[in-house]
Amino acid sequence: MILTPEGILISQQHYVLSMLFKFGMTECKSVSTPLDRNVKFRPDFGPACDPKRFRQIVGSFIYLTITRSDLSYPVGLISQFMAHPIVEHRILRYVSCSKDKGLLYRPGVAEQLVGTTDADWARNVGDHRSTSRYAFSLGSVVVAWSSKKQPIVAPSSIEAEYRGAAGVTCEAIWLKRVLKDMQVELSNPMTIYYDNLSSIHLAKNPVFHARTKHIEVHYRFVRE
């Protein structure tokens, strides 16, 4: 925890430095993004590496996501290759140039809980499942985030986005109850943002058609 002119910064900078030293990446070339968006990971991606070293790297990253929401998606992605380790040091290169990042709590910011969610449709080349992501901010800082593959294959982008909306709604209800137990009363209703127009129209339309009956349970949950 660091006191700054802007507020209180919770960072794992010392842990990042020790991790880079442990894996011999102290003098590595830095990059500005954790993943190359043009690369699609698969078990035969690149030459295999030492399984023990790979699992140590992934485990270190998982601990680092406690204060780094920007690492949730890339860490979740490479965690799928525990059985078939791959050579991927780009995330370590990204961490080396962003070691001072963390959670910044600014004083005087209204306590309003706001959520955002998104889903990529069938991006995983192995099983074609979609990945749902969400983040909740309270005041000036993100307090909850997640990036996780959906349990089943979504046949359309509408269903992938709508399943993500259902998941973020569950998290919103849980967060509201936790805040209530902490005696934090929200002055305004919670707002959840997601950008798929078709799924938004589906949430507003009380009539179901044959092609959308399979997501009626998610529809009813979000609507209520």
C-alpha atoms as a PDB file:
ATOM      1  CA  MET A   1       0.000   0.000   0.000  1.00  0.00           C
ATOM      2  CA  ILE A   2       1.411   3.355  -1.108  1.00  0.00           C
ATOM      3  CA  LEU A   3       0.167   6.835  -0.227  1.00  0.00           C
ATOM      4  CA  THR A   4       0.150   9.064  -3.317  1.00  0.00           C
ATOM      5  CA  PRO A   5      -1.112  12.627  -3.944  1.00  0.00           C
ATOM      6  CA  GLU A   6      -4.119  11.094  -5.743  1.00  0.00           C
ATOM      7  CA  GLY A   7      -5.038   8.594  -3.032  1.00  0.00           C
ATOM      8  CA  ILE A   8      -4.077   5.119  -1.800  1.00  0.00           C
ATOM      9  CA  LEU A   9      -2.422   2.754  -4.279  1.00  0.00           C
ATOM     10  CA  ILE A  10      -2.464  -0.995  -3.631  1.00  0.00           C
ATOM     11  CA  SER A  11       0.248  -2.531  -5.781  1.00  0.00           C
ATOM     12  CA  GLN A  12       2.286  -5.751  -5.975  1.00  0.00           C
ATOM     13  CA  GLN A  13       5.353  -4.107  -7.454  1.00  0.00           C
ATOM     14  CA  HIS A  14       7.802  -5.883  -5.131  1.00  0.00           C
ATOM     15  CA  TYR A  15       6.230  -9.237  -5.989  1.00  0.00           C
ATOM     16  CA  VAL A  16       6.518  -8.482  -9.723  1.00  0.00           C
ATOM     17  CA  LEU A  17      10.221  -7.667  -9.375  1.00  0.00           C
ATOM     18  CA  SER A  18      10.901 -10.894  -7.478  1.00  0.00           C
ATOM     19  CA  MET A  19       8.918 -12.876 -10.057  1.00  0.00           C
ATOM     20  CA  LEU A  20      10.866 -11.393 -12.966  1.00  0.00           C
ATOM     21  CA  PHE A  21      14.145 -12.189 -11.194  1.00  0.00           C
ATOM     22  CA  LYS A  22      13.039 -15.753 -10.462  1.00  0.00           C
ATOM     23  CA  PHE A  23      12.227 -16.490 -14.103  1.00  0.00           C
ATOM     24  CA  GLY A  24      15.208 -14.642 -15.562  1.00  0.00           C
ATOM     25  CA  MET A  25      13.177 -11.863 -17.190  1.00  0.00           C
ATOM     26  CA  THR A  26      14.644  -8.860 -15.364  1.00  0.00           C
ATOM     27  CA  GLU A  27      16.331  -7.476 -18.483  1.00  0.00           C
ATOM     28  CA  CYS A  28      13.646  -8.567 -20.942  1.00  0.00           C
ATOM     29  CA  LYS A  29      12.291  -6.338 -23.709  1.00  0.00           C
ATOM     30  CA  SER A  30       8.988  -4.782 -22.590  1.00  0.00           C
ATOM     31  CA  VAL A  31       5.750  -4.800 -24.598  1.00  0.00           C
ATOM     32  CA  SER A  32       2.640  -2.664 -24.174  1.00  0.00           C
ATOM     33  CA  THR A  33       0.026  -5.448 -24.399  1.00  0.00           C
ATOM     34  CA  PRO A  34      -0.111  -8.859 -22.667  1.00  0.00           C
ATOM     35  CA  LEU A  35      -1.272 -10.738 -25.773  1.00  0.00           C
ATOM     36  CA  ASP A  36      -0.953 -10.498 -29.521  1.00  0.00           C
ATOM     37  CA  ARG A  37      -4.527 -10.290 -30.762  1.00  0.00           C
ATOM     38  CA  ASN A  38      -3.607 -11.968 -34.061  1.00  0.00           C
ATOM     39  CA  VAL A  39      -2.354 -15.128 -32.321  1.00  0.00           C
ATOM     40  CA  LYS A  40      -4.825 -17.891 -31.449  1.00  0.00           C
ATOM     41  CA  PHE A  41      -3.552 -20.325 -28.849  1.00  0.00           C
ATOM     42  CA  ARG A  42      -3.873 -24.076 -29.340  1.00  0.00           C
ATOM     43  CA  PRO A  43      -2.088 -27.130 -27.856  1.00  0.00           C
ATOM     44  CA  ASP A  44       0.313 -27.283 -30.818  1.00  0.00           C
ATOM     45  CA  PHE A  45       1.189 -23.585 -30.520  1.00  0.00           C
ATOM     46  CA  GLY A  46       4.956 -23.290 -30.577  1.00  0.00           C
ATOM     47  CA  PRO A  47       7.451 -25.715 -29.035  1.00  0.00           C
ATOM     48  CA  ALA A  48       6.699 -27.273 -25.682  1.00  0.00           C
ATOM     49  CA  CYS A  49       8.460 -25.897 -22.612  1.00  0.00           C
ATOM     50  CA  ASP A  50       9.329 -27.204 -19.170  1.00  0.00           C
ATOM     51  CA  PRO A  51       5.972 -28.158 -17.532  1.00  0.00           C
ATOM     52  CA  LYS A  52       7.180 -27.353 -14.013  1.00  0.00           C
ATOM     53  CA  ARG A  53       8.448 -23.902 -14.992  1.00  0.00           C
ATOM     54  CA  PHE A  54       5.281 -23.152 -16.954  1.00  0.00           C
ATOM     55  CA  ARG A  55       3.041 -24.049 -13.997  1.00  0.00           C
ATOM     56  CA  GLN A  56       5.150 -21.914 -11.679  1.00  0.00           C
ATOM     57  CA  ILE A  57       4.737 -18.957 -14.039  1.00  0.00           C
ATOM     58  CA  VAL A  58       0.968 -19.448 -14.282  1.00  0.00           C
ATOM     59  CA  GLY A  59       0.662 -19.800 -10.509  1.00  0.00           C
ATOM     60  CA  SER A  60       2.591 -16.563 -10.013  1.00  0.00           C
ATOM     61  CA  PHE A  61       0.313 -14.797 -12.475  1.00  0.00           C
ATOM     62  CA  ILE A  62      -2.814 -16.050 -10.704  1.00  0.00           C
ATOM     63  CA  TYR A  63      -1.592 -14.515  -7.451  1.00  0.00           C
ATOM     64  CA  LEU A  64      -0.809 -11.274  -9.286  1.00  0.00           C
ATOM     65  CA  THR A  65      -4.405 -10.963 -10.556  1.00  0.00           C
ATOM     66  CA  ILE A  66      -5.456 -10.047  -7.001  1.00  0.00           C
ATOM     67  CA  THR A  67      -4.671  -6.421  -7.874  1.00  0.00           C
ATOM     68  CA  ARG A  68      -4.366  -6.622 -11.675  1.00  0.00           C
ATOM     69  CA  SER A  69      -7.676  -6.949 -13.484  1.00  0.00           C
ATOM     70  CA  ASP A  70      -5.896  -6.402 -16.822  1.00  0.00           C
ATOM     71  CA  LEU A  71      -4.248  -9.816 -16.442  1.00  0.00           C
ATOM     72  CA  SER A  72      -7.441 -11.825 -15.859  1.00  0.00           C
ATOM     73  CA  TYR A  73      -8.056 -12.709 -19.500  1.00  0.00           C
ATOM     74  CA  PRO A  74      -4.482 -13.566 -20.601  1.00  0.00           C
ATOM     75  CA  VAL A  75      -3.824 -15.568 -17.428  1.00  0.00           C
ATOM     76  CA  GLY A  76      -7.095 -17.447 -17.816  1.00  0.00           C
ATOM     77  CA  LEU A  77      -6.150 -18.184 -21.412  1.00  0.00           C
ATOM     78  CA  ILE A  78      -2.715 -19.671 -20.770  1.00  0.00           C
ATOM     79  CA  SER A  79      -4.053 -21.568 -17.732  1.00  0.00           C
ATOM     80  CA  GLN A  80      -5.894 -23.840 -20.165  1.00  0.00           C
ATOM     81  CA  PHE A  81      -2.577 -25.321 -21.299  1.00  0.00           C
ATOM     82  CA  MET A  82      -1.392 -26.876 -18.041  1.00  0.00           C
ATOM     83  CA  ALA A  83      -1.420 -30.328 -19.634  1.00  0.00           C
ATOM     84  CA  HIS A  84       0.335 -29.074 -22.781  1.00  0.00           C
ATOM     85  CA  PRO A  85       2.656 -26.233 -21.707  1.00  0.00           C
ATOM     86  CA  ILE A  86       3.434 -23.632 -24.343  1.00  0.00           C
ATOM     87  CA  VAL A  87       6.238 -21.119 -24.691  1.00  0.00           C
ATOM     88  CA  GLU A  88       4.712 -17.735 -23.962  1.00  0.00           C
ATOM     89  CA  HIS A  89       6.720 -14.983 -22.308  1.00  0.00           C
ATOM     90  CA  ARG A  90       4.784 -12.013 -23.671  1.00  0.00           C
ATOM     91  CA  ILE A  91       2.804 -11.591 -20.440  1.00  0.00           C
ATOM     92  CA  LEU A  92       6.058 -11.451 -18.453  1.00  0.00           C
ATOM     93  CA  ARG A  93       7.323  -8.791 -20.851  1.00  0.00           C
ATOM     94  CA  TYR A  94       4.111  -6.835 -20.363  1.00  0.00           C
ATOM     95  CA  VAL A  95       4.302  -7.112 -16.576  1.00  0.00           C
ATOM     96  CA  SER A  96       7.874  -5.808 -16.606  1.00  0.00           C
ATOM     97  CA  CYS A  97       6.736  -2.476 -18.084  1.00  0.00           C
ATOM     98  CA  SER A  98       3.606  -2.187 -15.906  1.00  0.00           C
ATOM     99  CA  LYS A  99       4.993  -3.308 -12.544  1.00  0.00           C
ATOM    100  CA  ASP A 100       3.713  -0.181 -10.780  1.00  0.00           C
ATOM    101  CA  LYS A 101       0.067  -0.691 -11.756  1.00  0.00           C
ATOM    102  CA  GLY A 102      -2.510  -1.486  -9.084  1.00  0.00           C
ATOM    103  CA  LEU A 103      -5.742  -0.351  -7.448  1.00  0.00           C
ATOM    104  CA  LEU A 104      -5.971   3.382  -6.796  1.00  0.00           C
ATOM    105  CA  TYR A 105      -8.499   4.543  -4.205  1.00  0.00           C
ATOM    106  CA  ARG A 106      -9.286   8.238  -4.667  1.00  0.00           C
ATOM    107  CA  PRO A 107     -11.038  10.169  -1.866  1.00  0.00           C
ATOM    108  CA  GLY A 108     -14.229  12.104  -2.457  1.00  0.00           C
ATOM    109  CA  VAL A 109     -15.585   9.904  -5.272  1.00  0.00           C
ATOM    110  CA  ALA A 110     -19.263   8.946  -5.072  1.00  0.00           C
ATOM    111  CA  GLU A 111     -19.851   5.319  -4.072  1.00  0.00           C
ATOM    112  CA  GLN A 112     -21.768   4.053  -7.070  1.00  0.00           C
ATOM    113  CA  LEU A 113     -21.559   0.412  -8.174  1.00  0.00           C
ATOM    114  CA  VAL A 114     -21.229   0.103 -11.941  1.00  0.00           C
ATOM    115  CA  GLY A 115     -20.676  -3.088 -13.922  1.00  0.00           C
ATOM    116  CA  THR A 116     -19.495  -3.770 -17.457  1.00  0.00           C
ATOM    117  CA  THR A 117     -19.587  -7.072 -19.309  1.00  0.00           C
ATOM    118  CA  ASP A 118     -18.564  -8.456 -22.674  1.00  0.00           C
ATOM    119  CA  ALA A 119     -18.162 -11.829 -24.365  1.00  0.00           C
ATOM    120  CA  ASP A 120     -16.217 -13.035 -27.381  1.00  0.00           C
ATOM    121  CA  TRP A 121     -18.091 -15.553 -29.479  1.00  0.00           C
ATOM    122  CA  ALA A 122     -16.429 -18.932 -30.162  1.00  0.00           C
ATOM    123  CA  ARG A 123     -12.935 -17.442 -30.041  1.00  0.00           C
ATOM    124  CA  ASN A 124     -11.327 -20.514 -28.490  1.00  0.00           C
ATOM    125  CA  VAL A 125      -9.974 -22.561 -31.394  1.00  0.00           C
ATOM    126  CA  GLY A 126      -9.903 -25.784 -29.365  1.00  0.00           C
ATOM    127  CA  ASP A 127     -13.540 -26.162 -28.304  1.00  0.00           C
ATOM    128  CA  HIS A 128     -15.141 -23.010 -29.777  1.00  0.00           C
ATOM    129  CA  ARG A 129     -16.480 -21.878 -26.429  1.00  0.00           C
ATOM    130  CA  SER A 130     -16.993 -18.219 -25.697  1.00  0.00           C
ATOM    131  CA  THR A 131     -15.346 -16.257 -22.903  1.00  0.00           C
ATOM    132  CA  SER A 132     -17.369 -13.993 -20.609  1.00  0.00           C
ATOM    133  CA  ARG A 133     -15.712 -11.052 -18.882  1.00  0.00           C
ATOM    134  CA  TYR A 134     -17.007  -8.529 -16.391  1.00  0.00           C
ATOM    135  CA  ALA A 135     -15.762  -5.834 -14.042  1.00  0.00           C
ATOM    136  CA  PHE A 136     -17.437  -3.863 -11.251  1.00  0.00           C
ATOM    137  CA  SER A 137     -16.233  -0.491 -10.062  1.00  0.00           C
ATOM    138  CA  LEU A 138     -17.176   1.194  -6.799  1.00  0.00           C
ATOM    139  CA  GLY A 139     -16.185   4.818  -6.675  1.00  0.00           C
ATOM    140  CA  SER A 140     -12.740   5.178  -8.243  1.00  0.00           C
ATOM    141  CA  VAL A 141     -11.581   1.570  -8.207  1.00  0.00           C
ATOM    142  CA  VAL A 142     -12.497  -1.811  -9.673  1.00  0.00           C
ATOM    143  CA  VAL A 143     -13.631  -4.086  -6.840  1.00  0.00           C
ATOM    144  CA  ALA A 144     -14.566  -7.297  -8.689  1.00  0.00           C
ATOM    145  CA  TRP A 145     -13.606  -8.775 -12.043  1.00  0.00           C
ATOM    146  CA  SER A 146     -13.592 -12.081 -13.870  1.00  0.00           C
ATOM    147  CA  SER A 147     -12.714 -13.669 -17.202  1.00  0.00           C
ATOM    148  CA  LYS A 148     -13.979 -17.210 -17.663  1.00  0.00           C
ATOM    149  CA  LYS A 149     -14.935 -19.601 -20.424  1.00  0.00           C
ATOM    150  CA  GLN A 150     -18.638 -20.376 -20.696  1.00  0.00           C
ATOM    151  CA  PRO A 151     -19.633 -23.949 -19.729  1.00  0.00           C
ATOM    152  CA  ILE A 152     -21.263 -24.756 -23.087  1.00  0.00           C
ATOM    153  CA  VAL A 153     -20.818 -23.746 -26.720  1.00  0.00           C
ATOM    154  CA  ALA A 154     -22.985 -20.767 -27.655  1.00  0.00           C
ATOM    155  CA  PRO A 155     -24.489 -21.191 -31.160  1.00  0.00           C
ATOM    156  CA  SER A 156     -24.735 -17.422 -31.687  1.00  0.00           C
ATOM    157  CA  SER A 157     -23.125 -14.203 -30.499  1.00  0.00           C
ATOM    158  CA  ILE A 158     -26.482 -13.167 -28.998  1.00  0.00           C
ATOM    159  CA  GLU A 159     -26.502 -16.170 -26.679  1.00  0.00           C
ATOM    160  CA  ALA A 160     -22.841 -15.687 -25.752  1.00  0.00           C
ATOM    161  CA  GLU A 161     -23.495 -12.066 -24.799  1.00  0.00           C
ATOM    162  CA  TYR A 162     -26.711 -12.909 -22.990  1.00  0.00           C
ATOM    163  CA  ARG A 163     -25.133 -15.652 -20.924  1.00  0.00           C
ATOM    164  CA  GLY A 164     -22.468 -13.145 -19.955  1.00  0.00           C
ATOM    165  CA  ALA A 165     -25.194 -10.697 -18.910  1.00  0.00           C
ATOM    166  CA  ALA A 166     -26.804 -13.367 -16.736  1.00  0.00           C
ATOM    167  CA  GLY A 167     -23.491 -14.079 -15.023  1.00  0.00           C
ATOM    168  CA  VAL A 168     -22.766 -10.424 -14.308  1.00  0.00           C
ATOM    169  CA  THR A 169     -26.296 -10.024 -12.920  1.00  0.00           C
ATOM    170  CA  CYS A 170     -25.606 -12.812 -10.415  1.00  0.00           C
ATOM    171  CA  GLU A 171     -22.403 -11.070  -9.370  1.00  0.00           C
ATOM    172  CA  ALA A 172     -24.201  -7.726  -9.031  1.00  0.00           C
ATOM    173  CA  ILE A 173     -26.794  -9.202  -6.666  1.00  0.00           C
ATOM    174  CA  TRP A 174     -24.067 -10.821  -4.566  1.00  0.00           C
ATOM    175  CA  LEU A 175     -22.032  -7.598  -4.383  1.00  0.00           C
ATOM    176  CA  LYS A 176     -25.081  -5.626  -3.331  1.00  0.00           C
ATOM    177  CA  ARG A 177     -25.704  -8.055  -0.463  1.00  0.00           C
ATOM    178  CA  VAL A 178     -22.062  -7.926   0.604  1.00  0.00           C
ATOM    179  CA  LEU A 179     -22.130  -4.123   0.657  1.00  0.00           C
ATOM    180  CA  LYS A 180     -25.331  -4.215   2.685  1.00  0.00           C
ATOM    181  CA  ASP A 181     -23.655  -6.494   5.251  1.00  0.00           C
ATOM    182  CA  MET A 182     -20.840  -3.929   5.412  1.00  0.00           C
ATOM    183  CA  GLN A 183     -23.467  -1.223   6.038  1.00  0.00           C
ATOM    184  CA  VAL A 184     -22.818   0.452   2.689  1.00  0.00           C
ATOM    185  CA  GLU A 185     -26.107   1.597   1.200  1.00  0.00           C
ATOM    186  CA  LEU A 186     -26.123   2.440  -2.519  1.00  0.00           C
ATOM    187  CA  SER A 187     -27.985   5.647  -3.278  1.00  0.00           C
ATOM    188  CA  ASN A 188     -28.775   4.774  -6.913  1.00  0.00           C
ATOM    189  CA  PRO A 189     -29.721   1.560  -8.740  1.00  0.00           C
ATOM    190  CA  MET A 190     -26.830  -0.482 -10.098  1.00  0.00           C
ATOM    191  CA  THR A 191     -25.978   0.010 -13.763  1.00  0.00           C
ATOM    192  CA  ILE A 192     -24.635  -2.764 -15.995  1.00  0.00           C
ATOM    193  CA  TYR A 193     -23.240  -1.937 -19.426  1.00  0.00           C
ATOM    194  CA  TYR A 194     -22.947  -4.339 -22.338  1.00  0.00           C
ATOM    195  CA  ASP A 195     -22.717  -3.514 -26.017  1.00  0.00           C
ATOM    196  CA  ASN A 196     -24.552  -6.210 -27.973  1.00  0.00           C
ATOM    197  CA  LEU A 197     -27.665  -4.561 -29.425  1.00  0.00           C
ATOM    198  CA  SER A 198     -29.391  -7.858 -30.216  1.00  0.00           C
ATOM    199  CA  SER A 199     -29.108  -9.119 -26.635  1.00  0.00           C
ATOM    200  CA  ILE A 200     -30.277  -5.719 -25.338  1.00  0.00           C
ATOM    201  CA  HIS A 201     -33.360  -5.908 -27.566  1.00  0.00           C
ATOM    202  CA  LEU A 202     -33.912  -9.468 -26.367  1.00  0.00           C
ATOM    203  CA  ALA A 203     -33.880  -8.289 -22.753  1.00  0.00           C
ATOM    204  CA  LYS A 204     -36.530  -5.683 -23.559  1.00  0.00           C
ATOM    205  CA  ASN A 205     -38.752  -7.935 -25.658  1.00  0.00           C
ATOM    206  CA  PRO A 206     -41.124 -10.112 -23.581  1.00  0.00           C
ATOM    207  CA  VAL A 207     -41.938 -12.352 -26.580  1.00  0.00           C
ATOM    208  CA  PHE A 208     -39.728 -15.364 -27.290  1.00  0.00           C
ATOM    209  CA  HIS A 209     -39.263 -16.940 -30.680  1.00  0.00           C
ATOM    210  CA  ALA A 210     -38.255 -20.471 -31.607  1.00  0.00           C
ATOM    211  CA  ARG A 211     -34.618 -19.524 -32.095  1.00  0.00           C
ATOM    212  CA  THR A 212     -34.308 -18.005 -28.625  1.00  0.00           C
ATOM    213  CA  LYS A 213     -36.309 -20.406 -26.428  1.00  0.00           C
ATOM    214  CA  HIS A 214     -33.139 -22.165 -25.268  1.00  0.00           C
ATOM    215  CA  ILE A 215     -32.040 -19.060 -23.353  1.00  0.00           C
ATOM    216  CA  GLU A 216     -35.378 -18.277 -21.744  1.00  0.00           C
ATOM    217  CA  VAL A 217     -34.068 -19.124 -18.273  1.00  0.00           C
ATOM    218  CA  HIS A 218     -31.288 -16.550 -18.606  1.00  0.00           C
ATOM    219  CA  TYR A 219     -33.767 -14.060 -19.994  1.00  0.00           C
ATOM    220  CA  ARG A 220     -36.136 -14.393 -17.048  1.00  0.00           C
ATOM    221  CA  PHE A 221     -33.276 -14.108 -14.554  1.00  0.00           C
ATOM    222  CA  VAL A 222     -31.871 -10.886 -16.034  1.00  0.00           C
ATOM    223  CA  ARG A 223     -35.301  -9.344 -16.480  1.00  0.00           C
ATOM    224  CA  GLU A 224     -36.294  -9.985 -12.867  1.00  0.00           C
END
